[in-house]
Amino acid sequence: MILDEIAKSAKRRVEAEKKRISCREMKDLAGKKAETEQEGAKGGFDFPFEKALRGEDISFICEVKKASPSKGVIAEQGTPEEIFGNPKQERTQQFLSRYSNR
């Protein structure tokens, strides 16, 4: 099942990261990142997705996956720009054509 493969892959990545960096170092890095984000928020810094939600134009926040727990491996492969700009699979072309002229 695809979820089992995803879980195995995540466990391998976590184990590799544990060997690369100590838990203490990881906590320190996370703390520094949180401080930076808090300082940025005080100064009016916006994250890109917040700007997209506040804008007047239509914007999308997308998550592009290579596999779905319920559908398995997704046929179209490539960067988001390649998939949305020049899809290879007919199924993807048909899906995107429903939204391209709106």
Protein backbone atom coordinates (compact mmCIF):
# COMPACT_ATOMS: atom_id res chain seq x y z
CA MET A 1 0.00 0.00 0.00
CA ILE A 2 1.23 3.49 -0.81
CA LEU A 3 0.91 4.73 2.80
CA ASP A 4 3.31 2.00 3.94
CA GLU A 5 5.85 3.13 1.33
CA ILE A 6 5.47 6.78 2.41
CA ALA A 7 5.93 5.84 6.09
CA LYS A 8 9.04 3.73 5.32
CA SER A 9 10.55 6.57 3.30
CA ALA A 10 9.86 9.09 6.07
CA LYS A 11 11.45 6.82 8.67
CA ARG A 12 14.57 6.46 6.51
CA ARG A 13 14.82 10.25 6.09
CA VAL A 14 14.42 10.81 9.84
CA GLU A 15 17.09 8.24 10.67
CA ALA A 16 19.49 9.82 8.17
CA GLU A 17 18.87 13.27 9.66
CA LYS A 18 19.45 11.96 13.19
CA LYS A 19 22.90 10.80 12.07
CA ARG A 20 23.62 14.11 10.38
CA ILE A 21 22.56 16.49 13.16
CA SER A 22 22.01 16.04 16.89
CA CYS A 23 18.65 16.53 18.53
CA ARG A 24 20.07 19.51 20.48
CA GLU A 25 21.26 21.17 17.25
CA MET A 26 17.89 20.57 15.62
CA LYS A 27 16.07 22.16 18.58
CA ASP A 28 18.43 25.15 18.44
CA LEU A 29 17.81 25.59 14.70
CA ALA A 30 14.04 25.34 15.19
CA GLY A 31 14.20 27.93 17.98
CA LYS A 32 16.21 30.33 15.81
CA LYS A 33 13.77 29.91 12.94
CA ALA A 34 10.81 30.60 15.23
CA GLU A 35 12.52 33.74 16.58
CA THR A 36 13.23 34.96 13.04
CA GLU A 37 9.60 34.40 12.02
CA GLN A 38 8.31 36.23 15.11
CA GLU A 39 10.64 39.18 14.45
CA GLY A 40 9.54 39.27 10.83
CA ALA A 41 5.87 39.26 11.82
CA LYS A 42 6.42 42.25 14.12
CA GLY A 43 8.02 44.18 11.28
CA GLY A 44 5.17 43.56 8.87
CA PHE A 45 6.83 40.67 7.06
CA ASP A 46 4.27 38.50 5.28
CA PHE A 47 4.67 34.94 4.15
CA PRO A 48 3.86 34.42 0.45
CA PHE A 49 0.71 32.40 1.16
CA GLU A 50 -0.60 35.19 3.38
CA LYS A 51 -0.04 37.68 0.58
CA ALA A 52 -1.90 35.38 -1.82
CA LEU A 53 -4.88 35.17 0.52
CA ARG A 54 -4.99 38.95 1.06
CA GLY A 55 -4.57 39.94 -2.58
CA GLU A 56 -7.33 41.16 -4.85
CA ASP A 57 -6.45 38.79 -7.70
CA ILE A 58 -7.37 35.15 -7.81
CA SER A 59 -4.52 33.13 -6.33
CA PHE A 60 -3.90 29.47 -5.72
CA ILE A 61 -2.00 27.72 -3.01
CA CYS A 62 -1.17 24.32 -4.43
CA GLU A 63 0.33 21.14 -3.18
CA VAL A 64 1.73 18.93 -5.89
CA LYS A 65 2.08 15.28 -4.96
CA LYS A 66 3.82 12.37 -6.65
CA ALA A 67 1.53 9.84 -4.97
CA SER A 68 -1.83 9.76 -3.26
CA PRO A 69 -2.74 7.42 -0.39
CA SER A 70 -6.01 6.54 -2.10
CA LYS A 71 -4.97 6.66 -5.79
CA GLY A 72 -1.36 5.46 -5.70
CA VAL A 73 1.32 6.90 -7.99
CA ILE A 74 0.15 9.88 -10.00
CA ALA A 75 0.84 9.55 -13.73
CA GLU A 76 2.16 13.07 -14.41
CA GLN A 77 5.73 13.70 -13.28
CA GLY A 78 7.74 16.92 -13.29
CA THR A 79 8.02 20.29 -11.63
CA PRO A 80 4.83 22.27 -10.98
CA GLU A 81 5.80 24.55 -13.87
CA GLU A 82 6.15 21.58 -16.23
CA ILE A 83 2.95 19.88 -15.07
CA PHE A 84 0.78 23.00 -15.27
CA GLY A 85 2.54 24.63 -18.22
CA ASN A 86 3.02 21.64 -20.50
CA PRO A 87 1.30 18.49 -19.20
CA LYS A 88 2.22 15.28 -21.02
CA GLN A 89 -0.64 13.01 -19.94
CA GLU A 90 -4.03 13.35 -21.65
CA ARG A 91 -5.79 12.94 -18.31
CA THR A 92 -3.87 15.93 -16.87
CA GLN A 93 -4.53 18.00 -20.01
CA GLN A 94 -8.27 17.33 -19.76
CA PHE A 95 -8.36 18.22 -16.08
CA LEU A 96 -6.43 21.46 -16.54
CA SER A 97 -8.48 22.48 -19.59
CA ARG A 98 -11.51 22.82 -17.32
CA TYR A 99 -9.79 25.67 -15.48
CA SER A 100 -7.56 27.34 -18.08
CA ASN A 101 -10.16 29.76 -19.51
CA ARG A 102 -11.65 31.03 -16.27
